[in-house]
N, C-alpha and C. Protein backbone atom coordinates (compact mmCIF):
# COMPACT_ATOMS: atom_id res chain seq x y z
N MET A 1 114.56 112.30 109.50
CA MET A 1 114.13 111.34 110.40
C MET A 1 115.06 111.26 111.94
N MET A 2 114.51 111.10 112.72
CA MET A 2 114.72 111.27 114.17
C MET A 2 115.55 110.07 114.59
N ASP A 3 116.34 110.07 115.79
CA ASP A 3 116.60 108.62 116.02
C ASP A 3 116.37 108.67 117.34
N ILE A 4 115.10 107.27 117.82
CA ILE A 4 114.88 107.42 119.36
C ILE A 4 114.95 106.57 119.30
N LYS A 5 115.49 106.11 121.44
CA LYS A 5 115.74 104.74 121.64
C LYS A 5 115.48 105.37 122.95
N VAL A 6 113.80 104.52 123.55
CA VAL A 6 113.93 104.17 124.91
C VAL A 6 114.66 103.38 125.43
N LEU A 7 115.31 103.48 126.70
CA LEU A 7 116.26 102.82 127.12
C LEU A 7 115.61 102.17 128.14
N GLY A 8 115.46 101.02 128.85
CA GLY A 8 115.05 100.58 129.95
C GLY A 8 114.91 98.53 130.04
N THR A 9 114.60 98.63 131.06
CA THR A 9 114.57 96.74 131.32
C THR A 9 113.52 96.01 130.17
N GLY A 10 112.00 96.76 130.37
CA GLY A 10 110.68 96.35 129.89
C GLY A 10 109.79 96.68 131.02
N CYS A 11 110.46 97.43 132.40
CA CYS A 11 109.48 97.31 133.10
C CYS A 11 107.69 98.40 132.46
N ALA A 12 106.77 98.12 133.25
CA ALA A 12 105.46 99.38 132.79
C ALA A 12 105.97 100.75 132.34
N LYS A 13 106.91 101.15 133.45
CA LYS A 13 107.21 102.28 132.90
C LYS A 13 107.90 102.62 131.11
N CYS A 14 108.28 101.93 131.37
CA CYS A 14 109.37 101.93 130.58
C CYS A 14 108.40 101.48 128.64
N ARG A 15 107.53 100.58 129.18
CA ARG A 15 106.44 100.79 128.02
C ARG A 15 105.63 101.58 127.95
N ALA A 16 105.37 102.38 128.71
CA ALA A 16 104.57 103.59 128.76
C ALA A 16 105.47 104.39 127.69
N THR A 17 106.36 104.71 128.12
CA THR A 17 106.86 105.68 127.29
C THR A 17 107.22 105.15 125.90
N VAL A 18 107.28 104.11 125.35
CA VAL A 18 107.13 104.33 124.46
C VAL A 18 106.23 104.00 123.67
N ASP A 19 105.08 103.58 124.07
CA ASP A 19 103.79 103.27 123.99
C ASP A 19 102.99 105.16 123.50
N LEU A 20 103.96 106.08 124.40
CA LEU A 20 103.40 107.06 124.59
C LEU A 20 104.19 108.19 123.07
N ILE A 21 105.51 108.14 123.07
CA ILE A 21 106.27 108.67 121.74
C ILE A 21 105.43 107.81 120.49
N GLU A 22 105.10 106.78 120.50
CA GLU A 22 104.43 106.60 119.43
C GLU A 22 103.08 106.49 119.12
N LYS A 23 102.19 106.83 120.08
CA LYS A 23 101.52 108.02 119.90
C LYS A 23 101.08 108.73 119.42
N ILE A 24 102.46 110.05 120.07
CA ILE A 24 102.43 111.32 119.55
C ILE A 24 103.01 111.46 118.35
N ALA A 25 103.63 110.75 118.06
CA ALA A 25 104.47 110.68 116.70
C ALA A 25 103.65 110.26 115.53
N ALA A 26 102.16 109.43 115.35
CA ALA A 26 101.73 109.12 114.70
C ALA A 26 100.48 110.31 115.06
N GLU A 27 100.34 111.16 115.55
CA GLU A 27 98.99 111.96 115.70
C GLU A 27 99.81 113.47 114.96
N THR A 28 101.24 113.76 115.53
CA THR A 28 101.89 114.94 114.42
C THR A 28 102.52 114.35 113.17
N GLY A 29 102.24 113.70 112.47
CA GLY A 29 103.01 112.91 111.58
C GLY A 29 104.92 113.43 111.64
N ALA A 30 105.34 112.64 112.47
CA ALA A 30 107.01 112.66 112.88
C ALA A 30 107.28 111.37 112.50
N GLU A 31 109.03 111.74 111.25
CA GLU A 31 109.44 110.69 111.39
C GLU A 31 110.43 110.09 112.41
N ILE A 32 110.17 108.83 112.97
CA ILE A 32 110.95 108.33 113.80
C ILE A 32 111.51 107.38 113.30
N ALA A 33 112.15 106.95 114.19
CA ALA A 33 112.86 105.58 114.02
C ALA A 33 113.46 105.42 115.66
N LEU A 34 112.42 104.17 116.26
CA LEU A 34 112.25 103.68 117.42
C LEU A 34 112.79 102.50 117.55
N GLU A 35 113.82 102.57 118.74
CA GLU A 35 114.11 101.14 119.30
C GLU A 35 114.31 101.55 120.48
N LYS A 36 113.97 100.17 121.20
CA LYS A 36 113.75 99.54 122.30
C LYS A 36 115.23 98.94 123.03
N VAL A 37 115.59 99.88 123.38
CA VAL A 37 117.09 99.09 124.15
C VAL A 37 116.67 98.38 125.42
N GLU A 38 117.56 97.15 125.95
CA GLU A 38 116.38 97.33 127.66
C GLU A 38 117.90 95.73 127.85
N GLU A 39 119.35 95.98 127.10
CA GLU A 39 120.50 95.50 127.85
C GLU A 39 121.20 96.72 128.53
N MET A 40 121.10 95.73 129.86
CA MET A 40 122.18 97.21 131.34
C MET A 40 123.53 97.01 130.55
N ARG A 41 124.15 96.70 129.72
CA ARG A 41 125.38 97.06 129.91
C ARG A 41 125.05 98.35 128.77
N ALA A 42 124.46 97.94 127.78
CA ALA A 42 123.86 99.23 126.81
C ALA A 42 123.11 100.56 127.32
N ILE A 43 122.35 100.55 128.48
CA ILE A 43 122.20 101.32 128.96
C ILE A 43 122.50 102.51 129.61
N VAL A 44 124.39 101.39 130.57
CA VAL A 44 124.76 102.22 131.30
C VAL A 44 125.49 102.66 130.32
N GLY A 45 125.66 102.24 129.01
CA GLY A 45 127.19 102.92 128.19
C GLY A 45 126.49 103.95 128.07
N TYR A 46 125.31 104.93 128.36
CA TYR A 46 124.55 106.25 128.31
C TYR A 46 124.94 107.25 129.46
N GLY A 47 125.84 106.36 130.18
CA GLY A 47 125.73 106.84 131.57
C GLY A 47 124.11 107.47 132.22
N VAL A 48 123.11 106.15 131.91
CA VAL A 48 121.64 106.26 133.03
C VAL A 48 122.07 105.08 133.71
N MET A 49 121.41 105.69 135.27
CA MET A 49 121.37 104.81 136.16
C MET A 49 119.78 104.75 136.06
N SER A 50 118.50 105.50 136.09
CA SER A 50 117.41 105.05 136.27
C SER A 50 116.70 105.49 135.22
N THR A 51 115.69 104.41 135.76
CA THR A 51 115.05 104.21 133.64
C THR A 51 113.79 104.74 134.52
N PRO A 52 112.70 105.10 132.83
CA PRO A 52 113.01 105.03 131.73
C PRO A 52 114.15 106.26 131.77
N ALA A 53 114.42 105.99 130.25
CA ALA A 53 115.44 107.04 129.29
C ALA A 53 114.42 107.08 128.16
N VAL A 54 115.27 108.63 127.49
CA VAL A 54 115.03 108.32 125.99
C VAL A 54 116.29 109.20 125.45
N VAL A 55 116.65 108.53 124.53
CA VAL A 55 118.30 109.08 123.41
C VAL A 55 117.00 109.85 122.12
N ILE A 56 117.59 110.94 122.21
CA ILE A 56 117.07 111.12 120.55
C ILE A 56 118.48 111.45 120.65
N ASP A 57 118.68 111.17 119.18
CA ASP A 57 119.92 111.45 117.69
C ASP A 57 121.16 111.39 119.02
N GLY A 58 121.31 110.37 119.81
CA GLY A 58 122.14 110.20 120.35
C GLY A 58 122.72 110.52 122.03
N LYS A 59 121.14 111.65 122.11
CA LYS A 59 121.77 112.88 122.79
C LYS A 59 120.60 112.13 124.53
N VAL A 60 121.53 112.11 125.61
CA VAL A 60 119.85 111.72 126.40
C VAL A 60 119.10 112.66 126.76
N VAL A 61 118.21 112.78 126.86
CA VAL A 61 117.15 113.82 126.98
C VAL A 61 115.98 114.18 127.90
N HIS A 62 115.92 112.29 128.56
CA HIS A 62 115.63 111.74 129.94
C HIS A 62 115.76 110.92 130.53
N LYS A 63 114.72 111.05 131.68
CA LYS A 63 115.57 110.41 132.25
C LYS A 63 114.70 109.68 133.51
N GLY A 64 114.77 108.44 134.26
CA GLY A 64 114.01 108.29 136.02
C GLY A 64 112.37 108.73 135.86
N SER A 65 112.20 108.44 135.15
CA SER A 65 110.50 109.05 134.24
C SER A 65 109.61 108.43 133.53
N VAL A 66 108.21 108.55 133.33
CA VAL A 66 107.55 108.67 131.59
C VAL A 66 107.30 110.19 132.07
N PRO A 67 107.93 110.52 130.08
CA PRO A 67 108.22 111.57 129.98
C PRO A 67 106.02 112.91 129.95
N ALA A 68 105.84 113.89 130.07
CA ALA A 68 105.08 114.11 129.86
C ALA A 68 105.05 114.15 128.07
N ALA A 69 103.85 113.80 128.39
CA ALA A 69 103.28 114.34 126.67
C ALA A 69 103.83 115.29 126.07
N GLU A 70 103.44 116.58 126.80
CA GLU A 70 103.90 117.98 125.93
C GLU A 70 105.72 118.25 125.89
N MET A 71 106.90 117.43 126.72
CA MET A 71 107.79 117.09 126.55
C MET A 71 108.30 115.98 125.19
N VAL A 72 106.83 114.99 124.91
CA VAL A 72 107.40 114.61 123.93
C VAL A 72 107.04 115.13 122.44
N ARG A 73 105.97 115.89 122.44
CA ARG A 73 105.46 117.08 121.07
C ARG A 73 106.92 117.98 121.43
N GLY A 74 107.16 118.66 122.52
CA GLY A 74 108.32 119.60 121.93
C GLY A 74 109.60 118.78 121.17
N TRP A 75 110.08 117.63 121.93
CA TRP A 75 110.98 117.26 120.75
C TRP A 75 110.70 116.57 119.79
N LEU A 76 110.13 116.14 119.21
CA LEU A 76 109.15 115.37 117.78
C LEU A 76 108.84 116.85 116.69
N ALA A 77 108.91 118.33 117.35
CA ALA A 77 108.76 119.43 116.56
C ALA A 77 109.18 119.89 115.54
């Protein structure tokens, strides 16, 4: 199971990122544990200054925008 965190303060792009990951995980049958991290101290702890950001198994894989659907599919493959 992949541990995925979406870092962001709850803005529309952050919510869209969570929705996109949930949708593609459901489509592909990928087993994920998805968590939203909204506390700024925790976000900065990952070295992220622009949100939304995506962390998979402890590694920042994307930051600053909503990822493309194909990018998310690649992560979950």
